[in-house]
Amino acid sequence: MDRGAILRVWLPLVVGVWAVGEVFLRGPGPHGVARWVGLGLAGIGLGGVVLARYTLGQSFSIRAKARALVTTGIYSKIRNPIYVSGVICLIGVAVMVGRPELLALLVIIVPMQIWRARREARVLEEKFGEEYREYRARTWF
């Protein structure tokens, strides 16, 4: 296993599982069914983020770059699974701690993610042209 895979996949997974576990065990809010539902959503979201980063491999970057057009795995269905999964994780945490007001963050986060996705789409379309347009036509967000 190379250092990149450790930093890109395994470190975020370990830190994410630890953080979600801490919130579940020690965070505020009632300990009932809603907490377990929130844990499930947070786990699905965290898993989606890690799976997407693993699938991207060396193509992952913070800023929009067109290293390769990744269309396999989770990217065969969703063009921006890190953004979608992050929102699911946030919803899960809000449910887990019984703080629906945290969902107000989505008013800021979702438009920001849409803006970033559009910027990334322009970069990918410039580099990959028709191949990217075909990929975009058969996938969601």
C-alpha atoms as a PDB file:
ATOM      1  CA  MET A   1       0.000   0.000   0.000  1.00  0.00           C
ATOM      2  CA  ASP A   2       1.442   3.358  -0.998  1.00  0.00           C
ATOM      3  CA  ARG A   3       1.533   6.496   1.129  1.00  0.00           C
ATOM      4  CA  GLY A   4      -1.010   8.182  -1.161  1.00  0.00           C
ATOM      5  CA  ALA A   5      -3.607   5.470  -0.535  1.00  0.00           C
ATOM      6  CA  ILE A   6      -3.080   5.788   3.197  1.00  0.00           C
ATOM      7  CA  LEU A   7      -3.607   9.553   3.141  1.00  0.00           C
ATOM      8  CA  ARG A   8      -6.378   9.478   0.526  1.00  0.00           C
ATOM      9  CA  VAL A   9      -8.455   6.562   1.810  1.00  0.00           C
ATOM     10  CA  TRP A  10      -7.453   4.940   5.073  1.00  0.00           C
ATOM     11  CA  LEU A  11      -6.709   8.019   7.178  1.00  0.00           C
ATOM     12  CA  PRO A  12     -10.044   9.708   6.316  1.00  0.00           C
ATOM     13  CA  LEU A  13     -11.848   6.423   6.987  1.00  0.00           C
ATOM     14  CA  VAL A  14     -10.269   5.939  10.412  1.00  0.00           C
ATOM     15  CA  VAL A  15     -10.734   9.576  11.419  1.00  0.00           C
ATOM     16  CA  GLY A  16     -14.300   9.632  10.097  1.00  0.00           C
ATOM     17  CA  VAL A  17     -15.324   6.418  11.855  1.00  0.00           C
ATOM     18  CA  TRP A  18     -13.739   7.662  15.086  1.00  0.00           C
ATOM     19  CA  ALA A  19     -15.496  11.067  14.851  1.00  0.00           C
ATOM     20  CA  VAL A  20     -18.919   9.605  14.031  1.00  0.00           C
ATOM     21  CA  GLY A  21     -18.478   7.063  16.830  1.00  0.00           C
ATOM     22  CA  GLU A  22     -17.590   9.793  19.312  1.00  0.00           C
ATOM     23  CA  VAL A  23     -20.625  11.850  18.308  1.00  0.00           C
ATOM     24  CA  PHE A  24     -22.832   8.767  18.590  1.00  0.00           C
ATOM     25  CA  LEU A  25     -21.516   7.754  22.010  1.00  0.00           C
ATOM     26  CA  ARG A  26     -20.831  11.100  23.656  1.00  0.00           C
ATOM     27  CA  GLY A  27     -22.632  13.735  21.604  1.00  0.00           C
ATOM     28  CA  PRO A  28     -25.661  15.687  22.753  1.00  0.00           C
ATOM     29  CA  GLY A  29     -29.205  14.595  22.156  1.00  0.00           C
ATOM     30  CA  PRO A  30     -31.440  11.711  23.119  1.00  0.00           C
ATOM     31  CA  HIS A  31     -30.244   8.130  22.793  1.00  0.00           C
ATOM     32  CA  GLY A  32     -33.123   6.484  20.955  1.00  0.00           C
ATOM     33  CA  VAL A  33     -34.203   5.265  17.536  1.00  0.00           C
ATOM     34  CA  ALA A  34     -33.431   8.605  15.863  1.00  0.00           C
ATOM     35  CA  ARG A  35     -29.832   8.370  17.061  1.00  0.00           C
ATOM     36  CA  TRP A  36     -29.472   4.966  15.388  1.00  0.00           C
ATOM     37  CA  VAL A  37     -31.092   6.268  12.174  1.00  0.00           C
ATOM     38  CA  GLY A  38     -28.658   9.200  12.221  1.00  0.00           C
ATOM     39  CA  LEU A  39     -25.748   6.817  12.765  1.00  0.00           C
ATOM     40  CA  GLY A  40     -26.862   4.805   9.744  1.00  0.00           C
ATOM     41  CA  LEU A  41     -27.107   7.892   7.546  1.00  0.00           C
ATOM     42  CA  ALA A  42     -23.773   9.234   8.775  1.00  0.00           C
ATOM     43  CA  GLY A  43     -22.191   5.837   8.097  1.00  0.00           C
ATOM     44  CA  ILE A  44     -23.632   5.681   4.583  1.00  0.00           C
ATOM     45  CA  GLY A  45     -22.387   9.210   3.895  1.00  0.00           C
ATOM     46  CA  LEU A  46     -18.926   8.547   5.293  1.00  0.00           C
ATOM     47  CA  GLY A  47     -18.720   5.277   3.385  1.00  0.00           C
ATOM     48  CA  GLY A  48     -19.677   7.062   0.168  1.00  0.00           C
ATOM     49  CA  VAL A  49     -16.975   9.688   0.642  1.00  0.00           C
ATOM     50  CA  VAL A  50     -14.290   7.074   1.299  1.00  0.00           C
ATOM     51  CA  LEU A  51     -15.441   4.855  -1.582  1.00  0.00           C
ATOM     52  CA  ALA A  52     -15.406   7.819  -3.959  1.00  0.00           C
ATOM     53  CA  ARG A  53     -11.919   8.883  -2.881  1.00  0.00           C
ATOM     54  CA  TYR A  54     -10.689   5.312  -3.277  1.00  0.00           C
ATOM     55  CA  THR A  55     -12.228   5.097  -6.770  1.00  0.00           C
ATOM     56  CA  LEU A  56     -10.653   8.396  -7.822  1.00  0.00           C
ATOM     57  CA  GLY A  57      -7.207   7.180  -6.840  1.00  0.00           C
ATOM     58  CA  GLN A  58      -4.523   9.573  -8.053  1.00  0.00           C
ATOM     59  CA  SER A  59      -7.179  11.699  -9.790  1.00  0.00           C
ATOM     60  CA  PHE A  60      -8.380  13.155  -6.483  1.00  0.00           C
ATOM     61  CA  SER A  61      -7.577  16.824  -5.979  1.00  0.00           C
ATOM     62  CA  ILE A  62      -8.956  19.692  -3.947  1.00  0.00           C
ATOM     63  CA  ARG A  63      -8.963  22.078  -6.900  1.00  0.00           C
ATOM     64  CA  ALA A  64     -10.578  21.223 -10.234  1.00  0.00           C
ATOM     65  CA  LYS A  65      -8.053  19.329 -12.359  1.00  0.00           C
ATOM     66  CA  ALA A  66      -8.579  17.007 -15.296  1.00  0.00           C
ATOM     67  CA  ARG A  67      -6.086  14.206 -14.717  1.00  0.00           C
ATOM     68  CA  ALA A  68      -8.371  11.383 -15.844  1.00  0.00           C
ATOM     69  CA  LEU A  69     -12.077  10.869 -16.473  1.00  0.00           C
ATOM     70  CA  VAL A  70     -13.134   8.366 -13.814  1.00  0.00           C
ATOM     71  CA  THR A  71     -16.381   6.637 -14.838  1.00  0.00           C
ATOM     72  CA  THR A  72     -16.225   3.373 -12.901  1.00  0.00           C
ATOM     73  CA  GLY A  73     -17.545   2.270  -9.519  1.00  0.00           C
ATOM     74  CA  ILE A  74     -19.702   4.834  -7.758  1.00  0.00           C
ATOM     75  CA  TYR A  75     -18.776   7.314 -10.510  1.00  0.00           C
ATOM     76  CA  SER A  76     -20.714   5.216 -13.024  1.00  0.00           C
ATOM     77  CA  LYS A  77     -23.931   6.447 -11.370  1.00  0.00           C
ATOM     78  CA  ILE A  78     -23.079   9.784  -9.692  1.00  0.00           C
ATOM     79  CA  ARG A  79     -20.666  12.405 -11.055  1.00  0.00           C
ATOM     80  CA  ASN A  80     -20.057  14.005  -7.665  1.00  0.00           C
ATOM     81  CA  PRO A  81     -20.425  11.280  -5.032  1.00  0.00           C
ATOM     82  CA  ILE A  82     -18.175  13.039  -2.512  1.00  0.00           C
ATOM     83  CA  TYR A  83     -20.531  16.031  -2.415  1.00  0.00           C
ATOM     84  CA  VAL A  84     -23.681  13.892  -2.247  1.00  0.00           C
ATOM     85  CA  SER A  85     -22.204  11.605   0.411  1.00  0.00           C
ATOM     86  CA  GLY A  86     -21.012  14.549   2.487  1.00  0.00           C
ATOM     87  CA  VAL A  87     -24.539  15.948   2.577  1.00  0.00           C
ATOM     88  CA  ILE A  88     -25.917  12.550   3.632  1.00  0.00           C
ATOM     89  CA  CYS A  89     -23.316  12.382   6.411  1.00  0.00           C
ATOM     90  CA  LEU A  90     -24.240  15.871   7.653  1.00  0.00           C
ATOM     91  CA  ILE A  91     -27.934  14.961   7.686  1.00  0.00           C
ATOM     92  CA  GLY A  92     -27.063  11.832   9.655  1.00  0.00           C
ATOM     93  CA  VAL A  93     -25.108  13.790  12.256  1.00  0.00           C
ATOM     94  CA  ALA A  94     -27.956  16.318  12.625  1.00  0.00           C
ATOM     95  CA  VAL A  95     -30.434  13.478  13.182  1.00  0.00           C
ATOM     96  CA  MET A  96     -28.034  11.631  15.491  1.00  0.00           C
ATOM     97  CA  VAL A  97     -27.619  14.563  17.872  1.00  0.00           C
ATOM     98  CA  GLY A  98     -31.248  15.666  17.625  1.00  0.00           C
ATOM     99  CA  ARG A  99     -30.377  19.099  16.249  1.00  0.00           C
ATOM    100  CA  PRO A 100     -32.482  19.739  13.124  1.00  0.00           C
ATOM    101  CA  GLU A 101     -31.236  23.343  13.072  1.00  0.00           C
ATOM    102  CA  LEU A 102     -27.910  21.946  11.818  1.00  0.00           C
ATOM    103  CA  LEU A 103     -29.733  21.220   8.571  1.00  0.00           C
ATOM    104  CA  ALA A 104     -29.725  24.980   7.974  1.00  0.00           C
ATOM    105  CA  LEU A 105     -26.070  24.493   6.996  1.00  0.00           C
ATOM    106  CA  LEU A 106     -27.378  22.796   3.857  1.00  0.00           C
ATOM    107  CA  VAL A 107     -28.592  26.220   2.678  1.00  0.00           C
ATOM    108  CA  ILE A 108     -24.928  27.180   2.421  1.00  0.00           C
ATOM    109  CA  ILE A 109     -23.325  23.827   1.594  1.00  0.00           C
ATOM    110  CA  VAL A 110     -25.598  22.627  -1.220  1.00  0.00           C
ATOM    111  CA  PRO A 111     -25.304  25.772  -3.400  1.00  0.00           C
ATOM    112  CA  MET A 112     -21.547  25.801  -2.758  1.00  0.00           C
ATOM    113  CA  GLN A 113     -21.258  22.160  -3.877  1.00  0.00           C
ATOM    114  CA  ILE A 114     -23.364  22.852  -6.983  1.00  0.00           C
ATOM    115  CA  TRP A 115     -21.069  25.762  -7.857  1.00  0.00           C
ATOM    116  CA  ARG A 116     -17.966  23.579  -7.369  1.00  0.00           C
ATOM    117  CA  ALA A 117     -19.483  20.757  -9.434  1.00  0.00           C
ATOM    118  CA  ARG A 118     -20.214  23.143 -12.319  1.00  0.00           C
ATOM    119  CA  ARG A 119     -16.663  24.494 -12.207  1.00  0.00           C
ATOM    120  CA  GLU A 120     -15.259  20.954 -12.238  1.00  0.00           C
ATOM    121  CA  ALA A 121     -17.596  20.037 -15.113  1.00  0.00           C
ATOM    122  CA  ARG A 122     -16.206  22.911 -17.215  1.00  0.00           C
ATOM    123  CA  VAL A 123     -12.635  21.741 -16.601  1.00  0.00           C
ATOM    124  CA  LEU A 124     -13.502  18.132 -17.471  1.00  0.00           C
ATOM    125  CA  GLU A 125     -15.457  19.130 -20.573  1.00  0.00           C
ATOM    126  CA  GLU A 126     -12.541  21.243 -21.823  1.00  0.00           C
ATOM    127  CA  LYS A 127     -10.167  18.299 -21.467  1.00  0.00           C
ATOM    128  CA  PHE A 128     -12.377  15.326 -22.426  1.00  0.00           C
ATOM    129  CA  GLY A 129     -14.990  16.943 -24.686  1.00  0.00           C
ATOM    130  CA  GLU A 130     -17.583  14.569 -26.091  1.00  0.00           C
ATOM    131  CA  GLU A 131     -16.492  11.720 -23.819  1.00  0.00           C
ATOM    132  CA  TYR A 132     -17.365  13.838 -20.775  1.00  0.00           C
ATOM    133  CA  ARG A 133     -20.658  15.051 -22.310  1.00  0.00           C
ATOM    134  CA  GLU A 134     -21.721  11.426 -22.895  1.00  0.00           C
ATOM    135  CA  TYR A 135     -20.732  10.502 -19.341  1.00  0.00           C
ATOM    136  CA  ARG A 136     -22.641  13.489 -17.982  1.00  0.00           C
ATOM    137  CA  ALA A 137     -25.770  12.496 -19.944  1.00  0.00           C
ATOM    138  CA  ARG A 138     -25.896   9.030 -18.343  1.00  0.00           C
ATOM    139  CA  THR A 139     -25.136   9.990 -14.708  1.00  0.00           C
ATOM    140  CA  TRP A 140     -26.809  12.000 -11.953  1.00  0.00           C
ATOM    141  CA  PHE A 141     -25.357  15.187 -10.413  1.00  0.00           C
END
